[in-house]
């Protein structure tokens, strides 16, 4: 969008970021809970409410990030509370933060 001075003004899109903190041994203890976690996330992905999600690192895994679009902070809080990983005690802590995207490649979500 152009301003009166014909300079591009950033167009802000609001997303919500959910950060999970995992225990150091997450790779050893998540296996029995992983199918339920992925099944839980799938409807949100299918509805395009979750646009990205995944762990930080490989071994050790340093936590995870899930990016939501078009969802309120309260809905993301509830998502975190109802996640099978959280219910099983695999999520030590989580943070929900609004994320204002002002720079992105053309065609990116």
C-alpha atoms as a PDB file:
ATOM      1  CA  UNK A   1       0.000   0.000   0.000  1.00  0.00           C
ATOM      2  CA  UNK A   2       1.381   3.403  -0.928  1.00  0.00           C
ATOM      3  CA  UNK A   3       1.319   6.443   1.308  1.00  0.00           C
ATOM      4  CA  UNK A   4       0.948  10.028   0.073  1.00  0.00           C
ATOM      5  CA  UNK A   5       4.719  10.209  -0.318  1.00  0.00           C
ATOM      6  CA  UNK A   6       4.590   7.140  -2.623  1.00  0.00           C
ATOM      7  CA  UNK A   7       6.674   5.090  -0.186  1.00  0.00           C
ATOM      8  CA  UNK A   8       5.669   1.568   0.679  1.00  0.00           C
ATOM      9  CA  UNK A   9       4.163   1.282   4.140  1.00  0.00           C
ATOM     10  CA  UNK A  10       4.426  -2.120   5.763  1.00  0.00           C
ATOM     11  CA  UNK A  11       1.174  -4.015   5.904  1.00  0.00           C
ATOM     12  CA  UNK A  12       0.930  -5.704   9.244  1.00  0.00           C
ATOM     13  CA  UNK A  13      -0.550  -9.181   9.538  1.00  0.00           C
ATOM     14  CA  UNK A  14      -1.218 -10.508  13.013  1.00  0.00           C
ATOM     15  CA  UNK A  15      -0.437 -14.085  13.922  1.00  0.00           C
ATOM     16  CA  UNK A  16      -0.146 -15.761  17.297  1.00  0.00           C
ATOM     17  CA  UNK A  17       2.968 -17.679  18.326  1.00  0.00           C
ATOM     18  CA  UNK A  18       2.824 -20.531  20.816  1.00  0.00           C
ATOM     19  CA  UNK A  19       6.172 -21.482  22.342  1.00  0.00           C
ATOM     20  CA  UNK A  20       6.560 -24.787  24.191  1.00  0.00           C
ATOM     21  CA  UNK A  21       9.367 -25.620  26.611  1.00  0.00           C
ATOM     22  CA  UNK A  22      10.161 -29.341  26.724  1.00  0.00           C
ATOM     23  CA  UNK A  23      12.232 -31.397  29.146  1.00  0.00           C
ATOM     24  CA  UNK A  24      15.710 -32.382  27.954  1.00  0.00           C
ATOM     25  CA  UNK A  25      14.598 -35.988  27.419  1.00  0.00           C
ATOM     26  CA  UNK A  26      11.554 -35.171  25.262  1.00  0.00           C
ATOM     27  CA  UNK A  27      12.700 -37.474  22.454  1.00  0.00           C
ATOM     28  CA  UNK A  28      12.715 -40.445  24.816  1.00  0.00           C
ATOM     29  CA  UNK A  29       9.361 -39.746  26.487  1.00  0.00           C
ATOM     30  CA  UNK A  30       7.148 -38.356  23.727  1.00  0.00           C
ATOM     31  CA  UNK A  31       6.673 -41.543  21.658  1.00  0.00           C
ATOM     32  CA  UNK A  32       3.487 -42.813  23.361  1.00  0.00           C
ATOM     33  CA  UNK A  33       1.889 -39.358  23.154  1.00  0.00           C
ATOM     34  CA  UNK A  34       3.023 -38.242  19.678  1.00  0.00           C
ATOM     35  CA  UNK A  35       0.145 -39.795  17.649  1.00  0.00           C
ATOM     36  CA  UNK A  36      -2.465 -38.118  19.882  1.00  0.00           C
ATOM     37  CA  UNK A  37      -0.590 -34.799  19.684  1.00  0.00           C
ATOM     38  CA  UNK A  38      -0.416 -34.907  15.869  1.00  0.00           C
ATOM     39  CA  UNK A  39      -4.085 -35.959  15.651  1.00  0.00           C
ATOM     40  CA  UNK A  40      -4.995 -33.048  17.930  1.00  0.00           C
ATOM     41  CA  UNK A  41      -3.115 -30.531  15.750  1.00  0.00           C
ATOM     42  CA  UNK A  42      -4.469 -31.828  12.405  1.00  0.00           C
ATOM     43  CA  UNK A  43      -7.935 -30.164  12.452  1.00  0.00           C
ATOM     44  CA  UNK A  44      -6.279 -26.810  13.177  1.00  0.00           C
ATOM     45  CA  UNK A  45      -3.925 -27.330  10.230  1.00  0.00           C
ATOM     46  CA  UNK A  46      -6.799 -28.442   7.982  1.00  0.00           C
ATOM     47  CA  UNK A  47      -8.732 -25.278   8.936  1.00  0.00           C
ATOM     48  CA  UNK A  48      -5.613 -23.183   8.205  1.00  0.00           C
ATOM     49  CA  UNK A  49      -5.570 -21.951  11.797  1.00  0.00           C
ATOM     50  CA  UNK A  50      -2.151 -23.523  12.368  1.00  0.00           C
ATOM     51  CA  UNK A  51       0.139 -22.560   9.518  1.00  0.00           C
ATOM     52  CA  UNK A  52       3.489 -23.759  10.876  1.00  0.00           C
ATOM     53  CA  UNK A  53       4.545 -25.949  13.749  1.00  0.00           C
ATOM     54  CA  UNK A  54       7.594 -27.859  14.821  1.00  0.00           C
ATOM     55  CA  UNK A  55      10.418 -28.396  17.243  1.00  0.00           C
ATOM     56  CA  UNK A  56      13.596 -26.367  17.660  1.00  0.00           C
ATOM     57  CA  UNK A  57      16.684 -28.440  16.965  1.00  0.00           C
ATOM     58  CA  UNK A  58      16.967 -32.187  16.619  1.00  0.00           C
ATOM     59  CA  UNK A  59      18.936 -33.673  19.505  1.00  0.00           C
ATOM     60  CA  UNK A  60      18.414 -32.179  21.937  1.00  0.00           C
ATOM     61  CA  UNK A  61      15.092 -30.647  21.033  1.00  0.00           C
ATOM     62  CA  UNK A  62      14.971 -27.171  22.520  1.00  0.00           C
ATOM     63  CA  UNK A  63      11.205 -26.717  22.596  1.00  0.00           C
ATOM     64  CA  UNK A  64       8.680 -26.023  19.862  1.00  0.00           C
ATOM     65  CA  UNK A  65       6.868 -23.241  18.050  1.00  0.00           C
ATOM     66  CA  UNK A  66       3.363 -23.269  16.570  1.00  0.00           C
ATOM     67  CA  UNK A  67       2.164 -20.291  14.500  1.00  0.00           C
ATOM     68  CA  UNK A  68      -1.580 -19.592  14.378  1.00  0.00           C
ATOM     69  CA  UNK A  69      -3.475 -17.282  12.043  1.00  0.00           C
ATOM     70  CA  UNK A  70      -6.981 -15.912  12.596  1.00  0.00           C
ATOM     71  CA  UNK A  71      -7.185 -17.269  16.134  1.00  0.00           C
ATOM     72  CA  UNK A  72      -7.494 -15.290  19.363  1.00  0.00           C
ATOM     73  CA  UNK A  73      -4.901 -15.419  22.115  1.00  0.00           C
ATOM     74  CA  UNK A  74      -7.512 -17.067  24.356  1.00  0.00           C
ATOM     75  CA  UNK A  75      -8.072 -19.808  21.754  1.00  0.00           C
ATOM     76  CA  UNK A  76      -4.333 -20.466  21.568  1.00  0.00           C
ATOM     77  CA  UNK A  77      -4.152 -20.644  25.374  1.00  0.00           C
ATOM     78  CA  UNK A  78      -6.942 -23.235  25.310  1.00  0.00           C
ATOM     79  CA  UNK A  79      -5.193 -25.133  22.516  1.00  0.00           C
ATOM     80  CA  UNK A  80      -2.061 -25.363  24.672  1.00  0.00           C
ATOM     81  CA  UNK A  81      -4.002 -26.528  27.734  1.00  0.00           C
ATOM     82  CA  UNK A  82      -5.850 -29.215  25.757  1.00  0.00           C
ATOM     83  CA  UNK A  83      -2.807 -30.485  23.817  1.00  0.00           C
ATOM     84  CA  UNK A  84      -2.093 -34.131  24.709  1.00  0.00           C
ATOM     85  CA  UNK A  85       1.571 -33.188  25.220  1.00  0.00           C
ATOM     86  CA  UNK A  86       0.570 -30.675  27.892  1.00  0.00           C
ATOM     87  CA  UNK A  87      -1.866 -33.068  29.544  1.00  0.00           C
ATOM     88  CA  UNK A  88       0.857 -35.743  29.668  1.00  0.00           C
ATOM     89  CA  UNK A  89       3.281 -33.340  31.359  1.00  0.00           C
ATOM     90  CA  UNK A  90       5.620 -33.072  28.351  1.00  0.00           C
ATOM     91  CA  UNK A  91       5.206 -29.289  28.122  1.00  0.00           C
ATOM     92  CA  UNK A  92       7.053 -27.748  31.066  1.00  0.00           C
ATOM     93  CA  UNK A  93       5.942 -24.232  30.177  1.00  0.00           C
ATOM     94  CA  UNK A  94       4.333 -22.400  27.301  1.00  0.00           C
ATOM     95  CA  UNK A  95       4.053 -18.803  26.163  1.00  0.00           C
ATOM     96  CA  UNK A  96       1.473 -17.244  23.857  1.00  0.00           C
ATOM     97  CA  UNK A  97       2.533 -14.076  22.067  1.00  0.00           C
ATOM     98  CA  UNK A  98       0.931 -11.997  19.313  1.00  0.00           C
ATOM     99  CA  UNK A  99       3.272 -11.763  16.324  1.00  0.00           C
ATOM    100  CA  UNK A 100       3.009  -8.809  13.948  1.00  0.00           C
ATOM    101  CA  UNK A 101       4.546  -9.686  10.600  1.00  0.00           C
ATOM    102  CA  UNK A 102       5.709  -6.630   8.666  1.00  0.00           C
ATOM    103  CA  UNK A 103       8.197  -8.267   6.268  1.00  0.00           C
ATOM    104  CA  UNK A 104       7.670 -11.381   4.219  1.00  0.00           C
ATOM    105  CA  UNK A 105       8.437 -12.757   0.796  1.00  0.00           C
ATOM    106  CA  UNK A 106       5.770 -12.386  -1.828  1.00  0.00           C
ATOM    107  CA  UNK A 107       3.483 -15.415  -1.846  1.00  0.00           C
ATOM    108  CA  UNK A 108       4.479 -16.541   1.646  1.00  0.00           C
ATOM    109  CA  UNK A 109       1.805 -17.190   4.236  1.00  0.00           C
END
